[in-house]
């Protein structure tokens, strides 16, 4: 399941950013600078070209990982979807990290709040889906539900991709 989820996300993300579909590379650059802790304006700048180069690696590797996951699924190599529950301390720390992340992103100057305020329809659905997916990931990891954990990870990733293509920031072509 991990290979399937990773392959779908990597392929979609890679090709959307590499081709700069609807300004996704420029939007990702602007969003990553806005989400950088401790001052996005003074953070190191890799530039849009560097992001597109990195996305190219995802675009090339993603289909192979997806194919490998599909072959494993076809052969029956995938497990039952359950995994051992991690230690309670790990889940608590992960919940705290996810909570702080969501708080930072949803406060008045946060990235998700700005995306919510500026958007309608697809953008708001993507913001809500991403927020719910983060909470679901923590819950399903703590419960040991491997298949649902990967599903929430994939949904969160696809919602993030939806934010990239939902609109332009005015930061690029």
N, C-alpha and C. Protein backbone atom coordinates (compact mmCIF):
# COMPACT_ATOMS: atom_id res chain seq x y z
N UNK A 1 0.82 -1.19 0.00
CA UNK A 1 0.00 0.00 0.00
C UNK A 1 0.87 1.26 0.00
N UNK A 2 1.99 1.21 0.72
CA UNK A 2 2.89 2.35 0.75
C UNK A 2 3.42 2.66 -0.65
N UNK A 3 3.79 1.61 -1.39
CA UNK A 3 4.31 1.84 -2.74
C UNK A 3 3.24 2.43 -3.65
N UNK A 4 2.01 1.98 -3.51
CA UNK A 4 0.92 2.54 -4.33
C UNK A 4 0.69 4.01 -4.01
N UNK A 5 0.56 4.31 -2.73
CA UNK A 5 0.30 5.70 -2.33
C UNK A 5 1.47 6.60 -2.72
N UNK A 6 2.69 6.14 -2.46
CA UNK A 6 3.86 6.95 -2.78
C UNK A 6 3.98 7.13 -4.29
N UNK A 7 3.74 6.07 -5.05
CA UNK A 7 3.85 6.15 -6.51
C UNK A 7 2.83 7.10 -7.12
N UNK A 8 1.59 7.06 -6.65
CA UNK A 8 0.55 7.97 -7.15
C UNK A 8 0.92 9.42 -6.83
N UNK A 9 1.28 9.67 -5.57
CA UNK A 9 1.61 11.03 -5.17
C UNK A 9 2.83 11.55 -5.91
N UNK A 10 3.91 10.76 -5.95
CA UNK A 10 5.14 11.21 -6.58
C UNK A 10 4.95 11.49 -8.06
N UNK A 11 4.21 10.64 -8.73
CA UNK A 11 3.97 10.84 -10.17
C UNK A 11 3.16 12.10 -10.40
N UNK A 12 2.05 12.24 -9.68
CA UNK A 12 1.19 13.42 -9.88
C UNK A 12 1.94 14.70 -9.50
N UNK A 13 2.53 14.72 -8.34
CA UNK A 13 3.27 15.90 -7.88
C UNK A 13 4.39 16.25 -8.84
N UNK A 14 5.18 15.26 -9.20
CA UNK A 14 6.32 15.50 -10.08
C UNK A 14 5.94 16.11 -11.41
N UNK A 15 4.98 15.52 -12.09
CA UNK A 15 4.61 16.02 -13.41
C UNK A 15 3.90 17.36 -13.34
N UNK A 16 3.11 17.59 -12.31
CA UNK A 16 2.42 18.88 -12.18
C UNK A 16 3.42 20.00 -11.95
N UNK A 17 4.41 19.78 -11.09
CA UNK A 17 5.39 20.83 -10.80
C UNK A 17 6.40 20.98 -11.94
N UNK A 18 6.86 19.88 -12.52
CA UNK A 18 7.83 19.96 -13.62
C UNK A 18 7.26 20.73 -14.80
N UNK A 19 6.02 20.46 -15.15
CA UNK A 19 5.41 21.14 -16.29
C UNK A 19 4.88 22.51 -15.91
N UNK A 20 4.94 22.85 -14.63
CA UNK A 20 4.43 24.12 -14.12
C UNK A 20 2.96 24.30 -14.51
N UNK A 21 2.21 23.22 -14.39
CA UNK A 21 0.79 23.22 -14.73
C UNK A 21 0.06 24.28 -13.89
N UNK A 22 -0.57 25.22 -14.58
CA UNK A 22 -1.31 26.31 -13.93
C UNK A 22 -0.46 27.06 -12.90
N UNK A 23 0.83 27.17 -13.15
CA UNK A 23 1.72 27.91 -12.26
C UNK A 23 2.05 27.18 -10.98
N UNK A 24 1.96 25.84 -10.97
CA UNK A 24 2.15 25.06 -9.75
C UNK A 24 3.55 25.22 -9.17
N UNK A 25 4.57 25.31 -10.01
CA UNK A 25 5.94 25.44 -9.50
C UNK A 25 6.11 26.78 -8.79
N UNK A 26 5.60 27.83 -9.38
CA UNK A 26 5.69 29.15 -8.76
C UNK A 26 4.87 29.20 -7.47
N UNK A 27 3.71 28.57 -7.51
CA UNK A 27 2.85 28.55 -6.33
C UNK A 27 3.49 27.74 -5.20
N UNK A 28 4.11 26.60 -5.54
CA UNK A 28 4.80 25.80 -4.53
C UNK A 28 5.95 26.60 -3.91
N UNK A 29 6.67 27.32 -4.73
CA UNK A 29 7.77 28.14 -4.23
C UNK A 29 7.23 29.20 -3.25
N UNK A 30 6.16 29.89 -3.65
CA UNK A 30 5.57 30.92 -2.78
C UNK A 30 5.01 30.31 -1.49
N UNK A 31 4.36 29.15 -1.60
CA UNK A 31 3.78 28.49 -0.43
C UNK A 31 4.87 28.00 0.51
N UNK A 32 5.95 27.46 -0.04
CA UNK A 32 7.02 26.95 0.83
C UNK A 32 7.73 28.09 1.55
N UNK A 33 7.87 29.22 0.89
CA UNK A 33 8.47 30.38 1.56
C UNK A 33 7.53 30.92 2.64
N UNK A 34 6.22 30.89 2.39
CA UNK A 34 5.26 31.38 3.38
C UNK A 34 5.17 30.44 4.58
N UNK A 35 5.44 29.15 4.37
CA UNK A 35 5.33 28.17 5.46
C UNK A 35 6.64 27.96 6.19
N UNK A 36 7.71 28.61 5.75
CA UNK A 36 9.02 28.45 6.39
C UNK A 36 8.99 29.07 7.78
N UNK A 37 9.31 28.26 8.80
CA UNK A 37 9.32 28.83 10.15
C UNK A 37 10.49 29.80 10.33
N UNK A 38 10.34 30.72 11.24
CA UNK A 38 11.37 31.67 11.63
C UNK A 38 11.77 32.60 10.48
N UNK A 39 10.78 33.07 9.74
CA UNK A 39 11.04 34.09 8.73
C UNK A 39 11.25 33.55 7.34
N UNK A 40 10.19 33.53 6.55
CA UNK A 40 10.27 33.03 5.18
C UNK A 40 11.07 33.93 4.27
N UNK A 41 11.07 35.25 4.53
CA UNK A 41 11.75 36.17 3.63
C UNK A 41 13.26 36.02 3.70
N UNK A 42 13.81 35.68 4.85
CA UNK A 42 15.25 35.54 4.98
C UNK A 42 15.74 34.12 4.78
N UNK A 43 14.84 33.21 4.47
CA UNK A 43 15.22 31.81 4.30
C UNK A 43 16.00 31.63 3.00
N UNK A 44 16.84 30.60 2.94
CA UNK A 44 17.58 30.33 1.71
C UNK A 44 16.62 30.12 0.54
N UNK A 45 17.00 30.61 -0.61
CA UNK A 45 16.12 30.56 -1.76
C UNK A 45 16.71 29.64 -2.82
N UNK A 46 16.07 28.48 -3.02
CA UNK A 46 16.51 27.56 -4.05
C UNK A 46 15.96 27.94 -5.40
N UNK A 47 14.90 28.70 -5.44
CA UNK A 47 14.31 29.14 -6.68
C UNK A 47 13.36 28.13 -7.30
N UNK A 48 12.58 28.62 -8.24
CA UNK A 48 11.59 27.79 -8.92
C UNK A 48 12.27 26.72 -9.78
N UNK A 49 13.37 27.08 -10.42
CA UNK A 49 14.09 26.11 -11.25
C UNK A 49 14.57 24.91 -10.45
N UNK A 50 15.07 25.15 -9.24
CA UNK A 50 15.52 24.06 -8.38
C UNK A 50 14.34 23.18 -7.98
N UNK A 51 13.19 23.79 -7.65
CA UNK A 51 12.00 23.00 -7.31
C UNK A 51 11.57 22.14 -8.48
N UNK A 52 11.62 22.70 -9.68
CA UNK A 52 11.23 21.93 -10.88
C UNK A 52 12.20 20.78 -11.12
N UNK A 53 13.49 20.99 -10.85
CA UNK A 53 14.47 19.93 -10.98
C UNK A 53 14.16 18.79 -10.00
N UNK A 54 13.92 19.14 -8.73
CA UNK A 54 13.58 18.11 -7.74
C UNK A 54 12.29 17.38 -8.10
N UNK A 55 11.32 18.12 -8.59
CA UNK A 55 10.06 17.50 -9.00
C UNK A 55 10.29 16.54 -10.17
N UNK A 56 11.27 16.84 -11.00
CA UNK A 56 11.60 15.94 -12.11
C UNK A 56 12.04 14.57 -11.62
N UNK A 57 12.75 14.54 -10.49
CA UNK A 57 13.14 13.26 -9.91
C UNK A 57 11.90 12.48 -9.50
N UNK A 58 10.95 13.15 -8.85
CA UNK A 58 9.69 12.50 -8.48
C UNK A 58 8.94 12.03 -9.72
N UNK A 59 8.92 12.85 -10.76
CA UNK A 59 8.20 12.51 -11.99
C UNK A 59 8.79 11.28 -12.67
N UNK A 60 10.09 11.09 -12.56
CA UNK A 60 10.73 9.94 -13.18
C UNK A 60 10.65 8.68 -12.32
N UNK A 61 10.79 8.83 -11.02
CA UNK A 61 10.81 7.67 -10.13
C UNK A 61 9.39 7.20 -9.78
N UNK A 62 8.44 8.13 -9.68
CA UNK A 62 7.08 7.80 -9.28
C UNK A 62 6.41 6.69 -10.06
N UNK A 63 6.44 6.71 -11.41
CA UNK A 63 5.80 5.64 -12.16
C UNK A 63 6.40 4.26 -11.89
N UNK A 64 7.72 4.19 -11.65
CA UNK A 64 8.34 2.91 -11.34
C UNK A 64 7.88 2.39 -9.98
N UNK A 65 7.79 3.28 -9.00
CA UNK A 65 7.31 2.89 -7.68
C UNK A 65 5.85 2.46 -7.75
N UNK A 66 5.05 3.19 -8.51
CA UNK A 66 3.64 2.83 -8.69
C UNK A 66 3.52 1.47 -9.35
N UNK A 67 4.31 1.23 -10.39
CA UNK A 67 4.28 -0.07 -11.06
C UNK A 67 4.70 -1.19 -10.13
N UNK A 68 5.71 -0.95 -9.31
CA UNK A 68 6.15 -1.96 -8.35
C UNK A 68 5.05 -2.26 -7.34
N UNK A 69 4.36 -1.21 -6.87
CA UNK A 69 3.26 -1.42 -5.93
C UNK A 69 2.12 -2.20 -6.56
N UNK A 70 1.80 -1.89 -7.81
CA UNK A 70 0.74 -2.63 -8.51
C UNK A 70 1.13 -4.09 -8.70
N UNK A 71 2.39 -4.35 -9.04
CA UNK A 71 2.85 -5.74 -9.18
C UNK A 71 2.77 -6.48 -7.85
N UNK A 72 3.18 -5.84 -6.77
CA UNK A 72 3.08 -6.46 -5.45
C UNK A 72 1.63 -6.77 -5.10
N UNK A 73 0.75 -5.85 -5.39
CA UNK A 73 -0.67 -6.06 -5.11
C UNK A 73 -1.21 -7.21 -5.95
N UNK A 74 -0.83 -7.26 -7.22
CA UNK A 74 -1.30 -8.31 -8.12
C UNK A 74 -0.80 -9.68 -7.68
N UNK A 75 0.44 -9.73 -7.20
CA UNK A 75 1.03 -11.00 -6.74
C UNK A 75 0.52 -11.41 -5.37
N UNK A 76 -0.16 -10.52 -4.69
CA UNK A 76 -0.65 -10.83 -3.35
C UNK A 76 0.42 -10.63 -2.29
N UNK A 77 1.43 -9.85 -2.60
CA UNK A 77 2.53 -9.64 -1.65
C UNK A 77 2.16 -8.66 -0.55
N UNK A 78 1.08 -7.93 -0.72
CA UNK A 78 0.65 -6.97 0.30
C UNK A 78 0.10 -7.71 1.50
N UNK A 79 0.36 -7.17 2.67
CA UNK A 79 -0.13 -7.76 3.91
C UNK A 79 -1.60 -7.44 4.15
N UNK A 80 -2.09 -7.80 5.31
CA UNK A 80 -3.51 -7.60 5.61
C UNK A 80 -3.90 -6.16 5.88
N UNK A 81 -2.95 -5.23 5.91
CA UNK A 81 -3.28 -3.83 6.12
C UNK A 81 -3.18 -3.40 7.58
N UNK A 82 -2.85 -4.33 8.44
CA UNK A 82 -2.67 -3.98 9.85
C UNK A 82 -1.19 -3.98 10.18
N UNK A 83 -0.80 -3.13 11.06
CA UNK A 83 0.59 -3.08 11.48
C UNK A 83 0.61 -2.94 12.99
N UNK A 84 1.73 -3.25 13.61
CA UNK A 84 1.77 -3.09 15.07
C UNK A 84 1.64 -1.63 15.46
N UNK A 85 0.93 -1.38 16.52
CA UNK A 85 0.79 -0.01 16.99
C UNK A 85 2.12 0.49 17.52
N UNK A 86 2.47 1.73 17.19
CA UNK A 86 3.72 2.28 17.72
C UNK A 86 3.57 2.59 19.20
N UNK A 87 4.69 2.84 19.88
CA UNK A 87 4.61 3.18 21.31
C UNK A 87 3.75 4.42 21.53
N UNK A 88 3.09 4.47 22.65
CA UNK A 88 2.21 5.57 22.98
C UNK A 88 2.96 6.89 22.99
N UNK A 89 4.19 6.89 23.46
CA UNK A 89 4.98 8.11 23.50
C UNK A 89 5.17 8.69 22.10
N UNK A 90 5.43 7.81 21.14
CA UNK A 90 5.62 8.24 19.76
C UNK A 90 4.34 8.89 19.21
N UNK A 91 3.22 8.27 19.47
CA UNK A 91 1.94 8.80 18.99
C UNK A 91 1.65 10.14 19.65
N UNK A 92 1.93 10.28 20.93
CA UNK A 92 1.70 11.54 21.63
C UNK A 92 2.58 12.64 21.04
N UNK A 93 3.86 12.35 20.82
CA UNK A 93 4.76 13.35 20.22
C UNK A 93 4.29 13.71 18.82
N UNK A 94 3.89 12.71 18.04
CA UNK A 94 3.39 12.99 16.70
C UNK A 94 2.13 13.84 16.74
N UNK A 95 1.24 13.57 17.68
CA UNK A 95 0.02 14.37 17.81
C UNK A 95 0.35 15.81 18.19
N UNK A 96 1.34 16.00 19.05
CA UNK A 96 1.74 17.36 19.43
C UNK A 96 2.33 18.08 18.23
N UNK A 97 3.20 17.41 17.48
CA UNK A 97 3.81 18.03 16.29
C UNK A 97 2.72 18.39 15.27
N UNK A 98 1.79 17.47 15.03
CA UNK A 98 0.71 17.74 14.08
C UNK A 98 -0.17 18.88 14.58
N UNK A 99 -0.44 18.92 15.89
CA UNK A 99 -1.24 20.00 16.45
C UNK A 99 -0.58 21.36 16.31
N UNK A 100 0.72 21.41 16.59
CA UNK A 100 1.46 22.68 16.44
C UNK A 100 1.49 23.10 14.98
N UNK A 101 1.72 22.14 14.08
CA UNK A 101 1.73 22.43 12.66
C UNK A 101 0.38 23.00 12.21
N UNK A 102 -0.71 22.33 12.59
CA UNK A 102 -2.04 22.82 12.20
C UNK A 102 -2.33 24.18 12.82
N UNK A 103 -1.92 24.39 14.07
CA UNK A 103 -2.14 25.69 14.70
C UNK A 103 -1.40 26.78 13.93
N UNK A 104 -0.12 26.53 13.58
CA UNK A 104 0.65 27.53 12.81
C UNK A 104 0.01 27.80 11.46
N UNK A 105 -0.48 26.78 10.81
CA UNK A 105 -1.02 26.94 9.47
C UNK A 105 -2.42 27.56 9.48
N UNK A 106 -3.15 27.43 10.61
CA UNK A 106 -4.51 27.95 10.66
C UNK A 106 -4.62 29.29 11.40
N UNK A 107 -3.55 29.75 12.02
CA UNK A 107 -3.67 31.06 12.67
C UNK A 107 -3.85 32.13 11.61
N UNK A 108 -4.14 33.35 12.01
CA UNK A 108 -4.52 34.42 11.08
C UNK A 108 -3.51 34.62 9.95
N UNK A 109 -2.22 34.53 10.25
CA UNK A 109 -1.20 34.73 9.21
C UNK A 109 -0.73 33.42 8.60
N UNK A 110 -1.36 32.31 8.97
CA UNK A 110 -0.93 30.99 8.50
C UNK A 110 -1.32 30.72 7.05
N UNK A 111 -0.59 29.81 6.45
CA UNK A 111 -0.78 29.48 5.05
C UNK A 111 -2.17 28.91 4.76
N UNK A 112 -2.64 27.96 5.57
CA UNK A 112 -3.95 27.37 5.31
C UNK A 112 -5.08 28.39 5.50
N UNK A 113 -4.94 29.27 6.49
CA UNK A 113 -5.96 30.30 6.69
C UNK A 113 -6.02 31.22 5.48
N UNK A 114 -4.85 31.63 4.97
CA UNK A 114 -4.83 32.51 3.79
C UNK A 114 -5.41 31.80 2.57
N UNK A 115 -5.11 30.53 2.41
CA UNK A 115 -5.67 29.77 1.28
C UNK A 115 -7.18 29.65 1.42
N UNK A 116 -7.66 29.43 2.63
CA UNK A 116 -9.10 29.32 2.88
C UNK A 116 -9.79 30.64 2.58
N UNK A 117 -9.22 31.74 3.09
CA UNK A 117 -9.82 33.05 2.90
C UNK A 117 -9.82 33.48 1.43
N UNK A 118 -8.79 33.11 0.69
CA UNK A 118 -8.67 33.53 -0.71
C UNK A 118 -9.42 32.61 -1.67
N UNK A 119 -9.88 31.48 -1.20
CA UNK A 119 -10.43 30.50 -2.13
C UNK A 119 -11.90 30.22 -1.96
N UNK A 120 -12.40 29.56 -2.96
CA UNK A 120 -13.75 29.01 -2.95
C UNK A 120 -13.67 27.64 -3.58
N UNK A 121 -14.65 26.82 -3.35
CA UNK A 121 -14.74 25.53 -4.02
C UNK A 121 -13.54 24.63 -3.81
N UNK A 122 -12.77 24.41 -4.88
CA UNK A 122 -11.66 23.47 -4.86
C UNK A 122 -10.61 23.83 -3.82
N UNK A 123 -10.26 25.09 -3.71
CA UNK A 123 -9.23 25.48 -2.74
C UNK A 123 -9.68 25.21 -1.31
N UNK A 124 -10.91 25.56 -0.99
CA UNK A 124 -11.39 25.31 0.38
C UNK A 124 -11.52 23.82 0.66
N UNK A 125 -11.97 23.06 -0.33
CA UNK A 125 -12.06 21.60 -0.15
C UNK A 125 -10.67 21.01 0.06
N UNK A 126 -9.68 21.51 -0.67
CA UNK A 126 -8.31 21.01 -0.52
C UNK A 126 -7.75 21.37 0.86
N UNK A 127 -8.01 22.57 1.34
CA UNK A 127 -7.54 22.99 2.66
C UNK A 127 -8.19 22.13 3.74
N UNK A 128 -9.50 21.93 3.65
CA UNK A 128 -10.20 21.11 4.63
C UNK A 128 -9.73 19.67 4.56
N UNK A 129 -9.59 19.13 3.35
CA UNK A 129 -9.13 17.76 3.19
C UNK A 129 -7.73 17.55 3.74
N UNK A 130 -6.85 18.51 3.52
CA UNK A 130 -5.49 18.42 4.04
C UNK A 130 -5.49 18.43 5.56
N UNK A 131 -6.28 19.30 6.15
CA UNK A 131 -6.36 19.37 7.62
C UNK A 131 -6.91 18.08 8.21
N UNK A 132 -7.98 17.56 7.62
CA UNK A 132 -8.57 16.31 8.11
C UNK A 132 -7.60 15.15 7.91
N UNK A 133 -6.89 15.14 6.79
CA UNK A 133 -5.95 14.05 6.51
C UNK A 133 -4.81 14.02 7.53
N UNK A 134 -4.37 15.18 7.99
CA UNK A 134 -3.30 15.23 8.99
C UNK A 134 -3.78 14.61 10.30
N UNK A 135 -4.98 14.98 10.72
CA UNK A 135 -5.55 14.41 11.95
C UNK A 135 -5.78 12.91 11.77
N UNK A 136 -6.34 12.50 10.62
CA UNK A 136 -6.61 11.09 10.37
C UNK A 136 -5.32 10.27 10.34
N UNK A 137 -4.24 10.85 9.82
CA UNK A 137 -2.97 10.14 9.78
C UNK A 137 -2.49 9.82 11.19
N UNK A 138 -2.58 10.80 12.08
CA UNK A 138 -2.14 10.57 13.46
C UNK A 138 -3.01 9.51 14.13
N UNK A 139 -4.31 9.58 13.94
CA UNK A 139 -5.23 8.63 14.57
C UNK A 139 -5.00 7.21 14.03
N UNK A 140 -4.90 7.09 12.72
CA UNK A 140 -4.75 5.75 12.13
C UNK A 140 -3.37 5.16 12.41
N UNK A 141 -2.35 6.00 12.52
CA UNK A 141 -1.03 5.48 12.89
C UNK A 141 -1.07 4.96 14.32
N UNK A 142 -1.69 5.73 15.19
CA UNK A 142 -1.79 5.31 16.60
C UNK A 142 -2.58 4.03 16.77
N UNK A 143 -3.59 3.84 15.93
CA UNK A 143 -4.42 2.64 16.03
C UNK A 143 -3.80 1.44 15.32
N UNK A 144 -2.78 1.70 14.50
CA UNK A 144 -2.14 0.60 13.78
C UNK A 144 -2.88 0.19 12.52
N UNK A 145 -3.70 1.06 11.99
CA UNK A 145 -4.45 0.76 10.76
C UNK A 145 -3.64 1.21 9.55
N UNK A 146 -2.75 0.34 9.09
CA UNK A 146 -1.80 0.68 8.04
C UNK A 146 -2.44 1.13 6.75
N UNK A 147 -3.47 0.42 6.29
CA UNK A 147 -4.12 0.78 5.03
C UNK A 147 -4.78 2.14 5.13
N UNK A 148 -5.47 2.40 6.22
CA UNK A 148 -6.13 3.70 6.39
C UNK A 148 -5.12 4.81 6.59
N UNK A 149 -4.00 4.48 7.24
CA UNK A 149 -2.95 5.47 7.42
C UNK A 149 -2.40 5.91 6.06
N UNK A 150 -2.12 4.95 5.20
CA UNK A 150 -1.61 5.28 3.87
C UNK A 150 -2.67 6.00 3.04
N UNK A 151 -3.92 5.64 3.23
CA UNK A 151 -5.00 6.33 2.52
C UNK A 151 -5.09 7.79 2.95
N UNK A 152 -4.98 8.04 4.25
CA UNK A 152 -5.02 9.43 4.71
C UNK A 152 -3.80 10.20 4.24
N UNK A 153 -2.66 9.56 4.17
CA UNK A 153 -1.45 10.19 3.65
C UNK A 153 -1.63 10.56 2.18
N UNK A 154 -2.19 9.63 1.41
CA UNK A 154 -2.42 9.89 -0.01
C UNK A 154 -3.44 11.00 -0.21
N UNK A 155 -4.53 10.98 0.55
CA UNK A 155 -5.56 12.03 0.43
C UNK A 155 -4.96 13.39 0.79
N UNK A 156 -4.17 13.45 1.85
CA UNK A 156 -3.51 14.71 2.21
C UNK A 156 -2.58 15.20 1.12
N UNK A 157 -1.82 14.29 0.54
CA UNK A 157 -0.93 14.67 -0.55
C UNK A 157 -1.68 15.16 -1.77
N UNK A 158 -2.75 14.49 -2.12
CA UNK A 158 -3.54 14.92 -3.27
C UNK A 158 -4.25 16.25 -3.00
N UNK A 159 -4.66 16.48 -1.77
CA UNK A 159 -5.23 17.78 -1.43
C UNK A 159 -4.18 18.88 -1.53
N UNK A 160 -2.96 18.58 -1.12
CA UNK A 160 -1.87 19.53 -1.27
C UNK A 160 -1.61 19.84 -2.74
N UNK A 161 -1.66 18.82 -3.59
CA UNK A 161 -1.52 19.04 -5.02
C UNK A 161 -2.68 19.88 -5.53
N UNK A 162 -3.87 19.63 -5.00
CA UNK A 162 -5.03 20.44 -5.38
C UNK A 162 -4.83 21.92 -5.06
N UNK A 163 -4.17 22.20 -3.93
CA UNK A 163 -3.87 23.60 -3.59
C UNK A 163 -2.89 24.20 -4.58
N UNK A 164 -1.97 23.40 -5.07
CA UNK A 164 -1.00 23.91 -6.03
C UNK A 164 -1.65 24.34 -7.34
N UNK A 165 -2.66 23.60 -7.77
CA UNK A 165 -3.26 23.89 -9.08
C UNK A 165 -4.56 24.69 -8.98
N UNK A 166 -5.01 24.99 -7.74
CA UNK A 166 -6.30 25.66 -7.57
C UNK A 166 -6.30 27.12 -7.95
N UNK A 167 -5.17 27.76 -7.91
CA UNK A 167 -5.15 29.18 -8.23
C UNK A 167 -3.74 29.69 -8.26
N UNK A 168 -3.59 30.90 -8.66
CA UNK A 168 -2.26 31.51 -8.79
C UNK A 168 -2.03 32.50 -7.66
N UNK A 169 -0.78 32.66 -7.30
CA UNK A 169 -0.42 33.60 -6.25
C UNK A 169 0.00 34.94 -6.83
N UNK A 170 0.17 35.01 -8.13
CA UNK A 170 0.65 36.23 -8.75
C UNK A 170 2.15 36.35 -8.66
N UNK A 171 2.82 35.27 -8.25
CA UNK A 171 4.27 35.29 -8.07
C UNK A 171 5.03 34.84 -9.31
N UNK A 172 4.35 34.42 -10.33
CA UNK A 172 5.06 33.95 -11.50
C UNK A 172 4.15 33.85 -12.69
N UNK A 173 4.71 33.30 -13.77
CA UNK A 173 3.96 33.23 -15.01
C UNK A 173 2.96 32.14 -15.00
